[in-house]
Amino acid sequence: MKTNFLRKTLPIGVGMMAVAFAFATESKTSQNSEEEAMTGYIYNSATNHCDEVKVDCNLTGSIPCTIGEIGNEQDVFELRDSSETSCTIPLYRQ
């Protein structure tokens, strides 16, 4: 009686564990991609401040980091001072 119960429930239990581990692995992957994004800044001439944006860029490279639509891109910079009025250190695409 005990072996019949195990033969029927064991595959179901293994399948449930496989589904649970698949979801656990997927959520870690999406968290890692968010951690790769860094904070960049674009200059807003209307407010004379640097506005914060999340970008996938760094301080080294050869392709300037931009954000926006084609033809209307804005360069993305690193913040130079805490007053948020000087963002002049360029960021680059990886």
PDB file of N, CA and C in Angstrom:
ATOM      1  N   MET A   1       0.830  -1.185   0.000  1.00  0.00           N
ATOM      2  CA  MET A   1       0.000   0.000   0.000  1.00  0.00           C
ATOM      3  C   MET A   1       0.881   1.258   0.000  1.00  0.00           C
ATOM      4  N   LYS A   2       1.937   1.211   0.827  1.00  0.00           N
ATOM      5  CA  LYS A   2       2.820   2.357   0.921  1.00  0.00           C
ATOM      6  C   LYS A   2       3.568   2.582  -0.402  1.00  0.00           C
ATOM      7  N   THR A   3       4.013   1.535  -1.048  1.00  0.00           N
ATOM      8  CA  THR A   3       4.740   1.674  -2.310  1.00  0.00           C
ATOM      9  C   THR A   3       3.833   2.175  -3.423  1.00  0.00           C
ATOM     10  N   ASN A   4       2.580   1.798  -3.437  1.00  0.00           N
ATOM     11  CA  ASN A   4       1.638   2.304  -4.441  1.00  0.00           C
ATOM     12  C   ASN A   4       1.436   3.806  -4.282  1.00  0.00           C
ATOM     13  N   PHE A   5       1.361   4.251  -3.045  1.00  0.00           N
ATOM     14  CA  PHE A   5       1.199   5.685  -2.777  1.00  0.00           C
ATOM     15  C   PHE A   5       2.422   6.463  -3.272  1.00  0.00           C
ATOM     16  N   LEU A   6       3.617   5.963  -2.984  1.00  0.00           N
ATOM     17  CA  LEU A   6       4.842   6.629  -3.412  1.00  0.00           C
ATOM     18  C   LEU A   6       4.981   6.637  -4.932  1.00  0.00           C
ATOM     19  N   ARG A   7       4.605   5.544  -5.577  1.00  0.00           N
ATOM     20  CA  ARG A   7       4.699   5.470  -7.037  1.00  0.00           C
ATOM     21  C   ARG A   7       3.808   6.497  -7.725  1.00  0.00           C
ATOM     22  N   LYS A   8       2.689   6.815  -7.100  1.00  0.00           N
ATOM     23  CA  LYS A   8       1.760   7.773  -7.712  1.00  0.00           C
ATOM     24  C   LYS A   8       2.111   9.218  -7.351  1.00  0.00           C
ATOM     25  N   THR A   9       2.557   9.460  -6.142  1.00  0.00           N
ATOM     26  CA  THR A   9       2.781  10.844  -5.697  1.00  0.00           C
ATOM     27  C   THR A   9       4.196  11.356  -5.950  1.00  0.00           C
ATOM     28  N   LEU A  10       5.169  10.487  -6.013  1.00  0.00           N
ATOM     29  CA  LEU A  10       6.544  10.929  -6.210  1.00  0.00           C
ATOM     30  C   LEU A  10       6.741  11.703  -7.521  1.00  0.00           C
ATOM     31  N   PRO A  11       6.234  11.240  -8.654  1.00  0.00           N
ATOM     32  CA  PRO A  11       6.388  12.020  -9.894  1.00  0.00           C
ATOM     33  C   PRO A  11       5.699  13.388  -9.819  1.00  0.00           C
ATOM     34  N   ILE A  12       4.586  13.460  -9.159  1.00  0.00           N
ATOM     35  CA  ILE A  12       3.886  14.733  -9.013  1.00  0.00           C
ATOM     36  C   ILE A  12       4.723  15.691  -8.167  1.00  0.00           C
ATOM     37  N   GLY A  13       5.289  15.194  -7.080  1.00  0.00           N
ATOM     38  CA  GLY A  13       6.130  16.020  -6.208  1.00  0.00           C
ATOM     39  C   GLY A  13       7.380  16.514  -6.925  1.00  0.00           C
ATOM     40  N   VAL A  14       8.005  15.657  -7.704  1.00  0.00           N
ATOM     41  CA  VAL A  14       9.201  16.042  -8.459  1.00  0.00           C
ATOM     42  C   VAL A  14       8.838  17.103  -9.496  1.00  0.00           C
ATOM     43  N   GLY A  15       7.723  16.936 -10.154  1.00  0.00           N
ATOM     44  CA  GLY A  15       7.273  17.920 -11.148  1.00  0.00           C
ATOM     45  C   GLY A  15       6.990  19.272 -10.516  1.00  0.00           C
ATOM     46  N   MET A  16       6.367  19.281  -9.354  1.00  0.00           N
ATOM     47  CA  MET A  16       6.080  20.532  -8.656  1.00  0.00           C
ATOM     48  C   MET A  16       7.378  21.231  -8.242  1.00  0.00           C
ATOM     49  N   MET A  17       8.353  20.467  -7.794  1.00  0.00           N
ATOM     50  CA  MET A  17       9.637  21.054  -7.413  1.00  0.00           C
ATOM     51  C   MET A  17      10.346  21.643  -8.636  1.00  0.00           C
ATOM     52  N   ALA A  18      10.265  20.964  -9.767  1.00  0.00           N
ATOM     53  CA  ALA A  18      10.903  21.459 -10.986  1.00  0.00           C
ATOM     54  C   ALA A  18      10.300  22.799 -11.406  1.00  0.00           C
ATOM     55  N   VAL A  19       8.983  22.916 -11.321  1.00  0.00           N
ATOM     56  CA  VAL A  19       8.316  24.168 -11.679  1.00  0.00           C
ATOM     57  C   VAL A  19       8.730  25.275 -10.704  1.00  0.00           C
ATOM     58  N   ALA A  20       8.789  24.970  -9.423  1.00  0.00           N
ATOM     59  CA  ALA A  20       9.178  25.966  -8.420  1.00  0.00           C
ATOM     60  C   ALA A  20      10.603  26.454  -8.655  1.00  0.00           C
ATOM     61  N   PHE A  21      11.529  25.554  -8.958  1.00  0.00           N
ATOM     62  CA  PHE A  21      12.910  25.949  -9.215  1.00  0.00           C
ATOM     63  C   PHE A  21      13.030  26.755 -10.508  1.00  0.00           C
ATOM     64  N   ALA A  22      12.215  26.451 -11.489  1.00  0.00           N
ATOM     65  CA  ALA A  22      12.244  27.209 -12.741  1.00  0.00           C
ATOM     66  C   ALA A  22      11.839  28.661 -12.501  1.00  0.00           C
ATOM     67  N   PHE A  23      10.806  28.888 -11.691  1.00  0.00           N
ATOM     68  CA  PHE A  23      10.389  30.249 -11.384  1.00  0.00           C
ATOM     69  C   PHE A  23      11.426  30.960 -10.531  1.00  0.00           C
ATOM     70  N   ALA A  24      12.056  30.272  -9.598  1.00  0.00           N
ATOM     71  CA  ALA A  24      13.087  30.878  -8.754  1.00  0.00           C
ATOM     72  C   ALA A  24      14.276  31.322  -9.595  1.00  0.00           C
ATOM     73  N   THR A  25      14.661  30.527 -10.572  1.00  0.00           N
ATOM     74  CA  THR A  25      15.788  30.870 -11.438  1.00  0.00           C
ATOM     75  C   THR A  25      15.442  32.064 -12.317  1.00  0.00           C
ATOM     76  N   GLU A  26      14.247  32.142 -12.836  1.00  0.00           N
ATOM     77  CA  GLU A  26      13.838  33.235 -13.711  1.00  0.00           C
ATOM     78  C   GLU A  26      13.847  34.568 -12.971  1.00  0.00           C
ATOM     79  N   SER A  27      13.382  34.614 -11.753  1.00  0.00           N
ATOM     80  CA  SER A  27      13.332  35.882 -11.033  1.00  0.00           C
ATOM     81  C   SER A  27      14.724  36.395 -10.727  1.00  0.00           C
ATOM     82  N   LYS A  28      15.687  35.541 -10.465  1.00  0.00           N
ATOM     83  CA  LYS A  28      17.056  35.980 -10.222  1.00  0.00           C
ATOM     84  C   LYS A  28      17.663  36.570 -11.492  1.00  0.00           C
ATOM     85  N   THR A  29      17.350  36.031 -12.646  1.00  0.00           N
ATOM     86  CA  THR A  29      17.870  36.541 -13.902  1.00  0.00           C
ATOM     87  C   THR A  29      17.371  37.961 -14.150  1.00  0.00           C
ATOM     88  N   SER A  30      16.106  38.236 -13.911  1.00  0.00           N
ATOM     89  CA  SER A  30      15.572  39.568 -14.145  1.00  0.00           C
ATOM     90  C   SER A  30      16.116  40.569 -13.135  1.00  0.00           C
ATOM     91  N   GLN A  31      16.418  40.155 -11.911  1.00  0.00           N
ATOM     92  CA  GLN A  31      17.002  41.054 -10.929  1.00  0.00           C
ATOM     93  C   GLN A  31      18.411  41.440 -11.338  1.00  0.00           C
ATOM     94  N   ASN A  32      19.184  40.514 -11.893  1.00  0.00           N
ATOM     95  CA  ASN A  32      20.557  40.804 -12.294  1.00  0.00           C
ATOM     96  C   ASN A  32      20.604  41.841 -13.398  1.00  0.00           C
ATOM     97  N   SER A  33      19.678  41.815 -14.336  1.00  0.00           N
ATOM     98  CA  SER A  33      19.704  42.779 -15.423  1.00  0.00           C
ATOM     99  C   SER A  33      19.397  44.182 -14.917  1.00  0.00           C
ATOM    100  N   GLU A  34      18.568  44.303 -13.880  1.00  0.00           N
ATOM    101  CA  GLU A  34      18.304  45.613 -13.314  1.00  0.00           C
ATOM    102  C   GLU A  34      19.520  46.147 -12.580  1.00  0.00           C
ATOM    103  N   GLU A  35      20.298  45.269 -11.965  1.00  0.00           N
ATOM    104  CA  GLU A  35      21.473  45.697 -11.235  1.00  0.00           C
ATOM    105  C   GLU A  35      22.553  46.205 -12.176  1.00  0.00           C
ATOM    106  N   GLU A  36      22.570  45.769 -13.413  1.00  0.00           N
ATOM    107  CA  GLU A  36      23.573  46.194 -14.379  1.00  0.00           C
ATOM    108  C   GLU A  36      23.351  47.633 -14.814  1.00  0.00           C
ATOM    109  N   ALA A  37      22.123  48.111 -14.769  1.00  0.00           N
ATOM    110  CA  ALA A  37      21.835  49.481 -15.166  1.00  0.00           C
ATOM    111  C   ALA A  37      22.411  50.435 -14.129  1.00  0.00           C
ATOM    112  N   MET A  38      23.071  51.478 -14.621  1.00  0.00           N
ATOM    113  CA  MET A  38      23.636  52.468 -13.703  1.00  0.00           C
ATOM    114  C   MET A  38      22.871  53.776 -13.827  1.00  0.00           C
ATOM    115  N   THR A  39      23.101  54.660 -12.893  1.00  0.00           N
ATOM    116  CA  THR A  39      22.441  55.950 -12.917  1.00  0.00           C
ATOM    117  C   THR A  39      23.272  56.915 -13.751  1.00  0.00           C
ATOM    118  N   GLY A  40      22.638  57.478 -14.745  1.00  0.00           N
ATOM    119  CA  GLY A  40      23.253  58.508 -15.567  1.00  0.00           C
ATOM    120  C   GLY A  40      22.434  59.781 -15.441  1.00  0.00           C
ATOM    121  N   TYR A  41      22.912  60.846 -16.016  1.00  0.00           N
ATOM    122  CA  TYR A  41      22.218  62.135 -15.897  1.00  0.00           C
ATOM    123  C   TYR A  41      22.184  62.824 -17.255  1.00  0.00           C
ATOM    124  N   ILE A  42      21.055  63.463 -17.552  1.00  0.00           N
ATOM    125  CA  ILE A  42      20.919  64.291 -18.749  1.00  0.00           C
ATOM    126  C   ILE A  42      20.641  65.717 -18.288  1.00  0.00           C
ATOM    127  N   TYR A  43      21.227  66.687 -18.975  1.00  0.00           N
ATOM    128  CA  TYR A  43      21.065  68.079 -18.571  1.00  0.00           C
ATOM    129  C   TYR A  43      19.722  68.606 -19.041  1.00  0.00           C
ATOM    130  N   ASN A  44      18.984  69.227 -18.132  1.00  0.00           N
ATOM    131  CA  ASN A  44      17.689  69.820 -18.426  1.00  0.00           C
ATOM    132  C   ASN A  44      17.855  71.332 -18.371  1.00  0.00           C
ATOM    133  N   SER A  45      17.881  71.989 -19.541  1.00  0.00           N
ATOM    134  CA  SER A  45      18.118  73.434 -19.584  1.00  0.00           C
ATOM    135  C   SER A  45      16.965  74.237 -18.984  1.00  0.00           C
ATOM    136  N   ALA A  46      15.769  73.670 -18.969  1.00  0.00           N
ATOM    137  CA  ALA A  46      14.615  74.391 -18.411  1.00  0.00           C
ATOM    138  C   ALA A  46      14.742  74.574 -16.901  1.00  0.00           C
ATOM    139  N   THR A  47      15.288  73.574 -16.218  1.00  0.00           N
ATOM    140  CA  THR A  47      15.421  73.649 -14.760  1.00  0.00           C
ATOM    141  C   THR A  47      16.857  73.926 -14.321  1.00  0.00           C
ATOM    142  N   ASN A  48      17.799  73.932 -15.260  1.00  0.00           N
ATOM    143  CA  ASN A  48      19.222  74.114 -14.967  1.00  0.00           C
ATOM    144  C   ASN A  48      19.736  73.042 -13.998  1.00  0.00           C
ATOM    145  N   HIS A  49      19.202  71.838 -14.137  1.00  0.00           N
ATOM    146  CA  HIS A  49      19.614  70.706 -13.306  1.00  0.00           C
ATOM    147  C   HIS A  49      19.861  69.483 -14.179  1.00  0.00           C
ATOM    148  N   CYS A  50      20.531  68.510 -13.598  1.00  0.00           N
ATOM    149  CA  CYS A  50      20.752  67.233 -14.269  1.00  0.00           C
ATOM    150  C   CYS A  50      19.686  66.257 -13.799  1.00  0.00           C
ATOM    151  N   ASP A  51      18.932  65.692 -14.725  1.00  0.00           N
ATOM    152  CA  ASP A  51      17.871  64.739 -14.391  1.00  0.00           C
ATOM    153  C   ASP A  51      18.408  63.315 -14.439  1.00  0.00           C
ATOM    154  N   GLU A  52      18.013  62.503 -13.482  1.00  0.00           N
ATOM    155  CA  GLU A  52      18.490  61.130 -13.342  1.00  0.00           C
ATOM    156  C   GLU A  52      17.786  60.193 -14.320  1.00  0.00           C
ATOM    157  N   VAL A  53      18.573  59.298 -14.961  1.00  0.00           N
ATOM    158  CA  VAL A  53      18.029  58.261 -15.844  1.00  0.00           C
ATOM    159  C   VAL A  53      18.796  56.968 -15.595  1.00  0.00           C
ATOM    160  N   LYS A  54      18.149  55.817 -15.818  1.00  0.00           N
ATOM    161  CA  LYS A  54      18.811  54.511 -15.704  1.00  0.00           C
ATOM    162  C   LYS A  54      19.270  54.085 -17.094  1.00  0.00           C
ATOM    163  N   VAL A  55      20.561  53.757 -17.213  1.00  0.00           N
ATOM    164  CA  VAL A  55      21.134  53.378 -18.504  1.00  0.00           C
ATOM    165  C   VAL A  55      22.102  52.213 -18.338  1.00  0.00           C
ATOM    166  N   ASP A  56      22.356  51.517 -19.430  1.00  0.00           N
ATOM    167  CA  ASP A  56      23.325  50.419 -19.446  1.00  0.00           C
ATOM    168  C   ASP A  56      24.608  50.941 -20.094  1.00  0.00           C
ATOM    169  N   CYS A  57      25.334  51.784 -19.353  1.00  0.00           N
ATOM    170  CA  CYS A  57      26.540  52.432 -19.861  1.00  0.00           C
ATOM    171  C   CYS A  57      27.632  52.369 -18.797  1.00  0.00           C
ATOM    172  N   ASN A  58      28.847  52.828 -19.174  1.00  0.00           N
ATOM    173  CA  ASN A  58      29.949  52.895 -18.215  1.00  0.00           C
ATOM    174  C   ASN A  58      30.871  54.047 -18.593  1.00  0.00           C
ATOM    175  N   LEU A  59      31.978  54.192 -17.844  1.00  0.00           N
ATOM    176  CA  LEU A  59      32.895  55.311 -18.055  1.00  0.00           C
ATOM    177  C   LEU A  59      33.909  55.067 -19.165  1.00  0.00           C
ATOM    178  N   THR A  60      33.999  53.836 -19.662  1.00  0.00           N
ATOM    179  CA  THR A  60      34.962  53.531 -20.716  1.00  0.00           C
ATOM    180  C   THR A  60      34.231  53.031 -21.949  1.00  0.00           C
ATOM    181  N   GLY A  61      34.835  53.226 -23.086  1.00  0.00           N
ATOM    182  CA  GLY A  61      34.253  52.772 -24.342  1.00  0.00           C
ATOM    183  C   GLY A  61      34.491  53.792 -25.432  1.00  0.00           C
ATOM    184  N   SER A  62      33.900  53.562 -26.583  1.00  0.00           N
ATOM    185  CA  SER A  62      34.093  54.488 -27.699  1.00  0.00           C
ATOM    186  C   SER A  62      32.776  55.031 -28.244  1.00  0.00           C
ATOM    187  N   ILE A  63      31.663  54.386 -27.939  1.00  0.00           N
ATOM    188  CA  ILE A  63      30.358  54.832 -28.436  1.00  0.00           C
ATOM    189  C   ILE A  63      29.680  55.643 -27.333  1.00  0.00           C
ATOM    190  N   PRO A  64      29.389  56.932 -27.577  1.00  0.00           N
ATOM    191  CA  PRO A  64      28.737  57.748 -26.543  1.00  0.00           C
ATOM    192  C   PRO A  64      27.373  57.173 -26.140  1.00  0.00           C
ATOM    193  N   CYS A  65      27.080  57.256 -24.872  1.00  0.00           N
ATOM    194  CA  CYS A  65      25.800  56.777 -24.339  1.00  0.00           C
ATOM    195  C   CYS A  65      24.754  57.859 -24.563  1.00  0.00           C
ATOM    196  N   THR A  66      23.656  57.497 -25.224  1.00  0.00           N
ATOM    197  CA  THR A  66      22.578  58.446 -25.482  1.00  0.00           C
ATOM    198  C   THR A  66      21.252  57.834 -25.069  1.00  0.00           C
ATOM    199  N   ILE A  67      20.265  58.695 -24.904  1.00  0.00           N
ATOM    200  CA  ILE A  67      18.919  58.245 -24.572  1.00  0.00           C
ATOM    201  C   ILE A  67      17.942  59.100 -25.373  1.00  0.00           C
ATOM    202  N   GLY A  68      16.839  58.522 -25.787  1.00  0.00           N
ATOM    203  CA  GLY A  68      15.834  59.264 -26.541  1.00  0.00           C
ATOM    204  C   GLY A  68      15.602  58.660 -27.908  1.00  0.00           C
ATOM    205  N   GLU A  69      14.716  59.295 -28.661  1.00  0.00           N
ATOM    206  CA  GLU A  69      14.367  58.821 -29.993  1.00  0.00           C
ATOM    207  C   GLU A  69      15.456  59.169 -31.001  1.00  0.00           C
ATOM    208  N   ILE A  70      15.515  58.415 -32.090  1.00  0.00           N
ATOM    209  CA  ILE A  70      16.490  58.674 -33.146  1.00  0.00           C
ATOM    210  C   ILE A  70      16.235  60.074 -33.715  1.00  0.00           C
ATOM    211  N   GLY A  71      17.284  60.861 -33.807  1.00  0.00           N
ATOM    212  CA  GLY A  71      17.163  62.238 -34.272  1.00  0.00           C
ATOM    213  C   GLY A  71      16.947  63.225 -33.140  1.00  0.00           C
ATOM    214  N   ASN A  72      16.597  62.717 -31.962  1.00  0.00           N
ATOM    215  CA  ASN A  72      16.354  63.583 -30.807  1.00  0.00           C
ATOM    216  C   ASN A  72      17.037  62.998 -29.567  1.00  0.00           C
ATOM    217  N   GLU A  73      18.239  62.447 -29.764  1.00  0.00           N
ATOM    218  CA  GLU A  73      18.947  61.821 -28.652  1.00  0.00           C
ATOM    219  C   GLU A  73      19.587  62.866 -27.757  1.00  0.00           C
ATOM    220  N   GLN A  74      19.759  62.498 -26.498  1.00  0.00           N
ATOM    221  CA  GLN A  74      20.490  63.326 -25.547  1.00  0.00           C
ATOM    222  C   GLN A  74      21.643  62.503 -25.006  1.00  0.00           C
ATOM    223  N   ASP A  75      22.812  63.126 -24.898  1.00  0.00           N
ATOM    224  CA  ASP A  75      23.962  62.443 -24.310  1.00  0.00           C
ATOM    225  C   ASP A  75      23.734  62.253 -22.815  1.00  0.00           C
ATOM    226  N   VAL A  76      24.249  61.134 -22.296  1.00  0.00           N
ATOM    227  CA  VAL A  76      24.111  60.814 -20.878  1.00  0.00           C
ATOM    228  C   VAL A  76      25.469  60.997 -20.212  1.00  0.00           C
ATOM    229  N   PHE A  77      25.449  61.604 -19.026  1.00  0.00           N
ATOM    230  CA  PHE A  77      26.680  61.930 -18.309  1.00  0.00           C
ATOM    231  C   PHE A  77      26.657  61.383 -16.897  1.00  0.00           C
ATOM    232  N   GLU A  78      27.833  61.420 -16.261  1.00  0.00           N
ATOM    233  CA  GLU A  78      27.932  61.123 -14.841  1.00  0.00           C
ATOM    234  C   GLU A  78      27.864  62.461 -14.104  1.00  0.00           C
ATOM    235  N   LEU A  79      27.292  62.445 -12.914  1.00  0.00           N
ATOM    236  CA  LEU A  79      27.138  63.672 -12.132  1.00  0.00           C
ATOM    237  C   LEU A  79      28.499  64.136 -11.622  1.00  0.00           C
ATOM    238  N   ARG A  80      28.801  65.402 -11.809  1.00  0.00           N
ATOM    239  CA  ARG A  80      30.096  65.943 -11.410  1.00  0.00           C
ATOM    240  C   ARG A  80      30.076  66.492  -9.987  1.00  0.00           C
ATOM    241  N   ASP A  81      28.984  67.089  -9.559  1.00  0.00           N
ATOM    242  CA  ASP A  81      28.901  67.640  -8.207  1.00  0.00           C
ATOM    243  C   ASP A  81      27.535  67.359  -7.593  1.00  0.00           C
ATOM    244  N   SER A  82      27.435  67.554  -6.291  1.00  0.00           N
ATOM    245  CA  SER A  82      26.194  67.221  -5.574  1.00  0.00           C
ATOM    246  C   SER A  82      25.090  68.252  -5.786  1.00  0.00           C
ATOM    247  N   SER A  83      25.408  69.408  -6.371  1.00  0.00           N
ATOM    248  CA  SER A  83      24.374  70.423  -6.601  1.00  0.00           C
ATOM    249  C   SER A  83      23.486  70.066  -7.792  1.00  0.00           C
ATOM    250  N   GLU A  84      23.856  69.021  -8.520  1.00  0.00           N
ATOM    251  CA  GLU A  84      23.104  68.520  -9.673  1.00  0.00           C
ATOM    252  C   GLU A  84      22.983  69.543 -10.799  1.00  0.00           C
ATOM    253  N   THR A  85      23.957  70.472 -10.897  1.00  0.00           N
ATOM    254  CA  THR A  85      23.940  71.438 -11.989  1.00  0.00           C
ATOM    255  C   THR A  85      25.080  71.212 -12.976  1.00  0.00           C
ATOM    256  N   SER A  86      25.964  70.270 -12.664  1.00  0.00           N
ATOM    257  CA  SER A  86      27.103  70.006 -13.544  1.00  0.00           C
ATOM    258  C   SER A  86      27.213  68.523 -13.831  1.00  0.00           C
ATOM    259  N   CYS A  87      26.763  68.112 -14.996  1.00  0.00           N
ATOM    260  CA  CYS A  87      26.918  66.716 -15.417  1.00  0.00           C
ATOM    261  C   CYS A  87      27.662  66.740 -16.747  1.00  0.00           C
ATOM    262  N   THR A  88      28.993  66.652 -16.662  1.00  0.00           N
ATOM    263  CA  THR A  88      29.817  66.825 -17.858  1.00  0.00           C
ATOM    264  C   THR A  88      30.735  65.652 -18.149  1.00  0.00           C
ATOM    265  N   ILE A  89      30.752  64.626 -17.297  1.00  0.00           N
ATOM    266  CA  ILE A  89      31.606  63.454 -17.527  1.00  0.00           C
ATOM    267  C   ILE A  89      30.826  62.492 -18.431  1.00  0.00           C
ATOM    268  N   PRO A  90      31.253  62.302 -19.679  1.00  0.00           N
ATOM    269  CA  PRO A  90      30.457  61.472 -20.612  1.00  0.00           C
ATOM    270  C   PRO A  90      30.480  59.990 -20.238  1.00  0.00           C
ATOM    271  N   LEU A  91      29.361  59.320 -20.505  1.00  0.00           N
ATOM    272  CA  LEU A  91      29.259  57.867 -20.347  1.00  0.00           C
ATOM    273  C   LEU A  91      29.262  57.238 -21.740  1.00  0.00           C
ATOM    274  N   TYR A  92      29.663  55.971 -21.791  1.00  0.00           N
ATOM    275  CA  TYR A  92      29.784  55.265 -23.063  1.00  0.00           C
ATOM    276  C   TYR A  92      29.045  53.933 -23.026  1.00  0.00           C
ATOM    277  N   ARG A  93      28.631  53.463 -24.202  1.00  0.00           N
ATOM    278  CA  ARG A  93      27.981  52.158 -24.346  1.00  0.00           C
ATOM    279  C   ARG A  93      28.996  51.061 -24.151  1.00  0.00           C
ATOM    280  N   GLN A  94      28.550  49.954 -23.612  1.00  0.00           N
ATOM    281  CA  GLN A  94      29.436  48.813 -23.383  1.00  0.00           C
ATOM    282  C   GLN A  94      29.627  48.014 -24.642  1.00  0.00           C
TER     283      GLN A  94
END
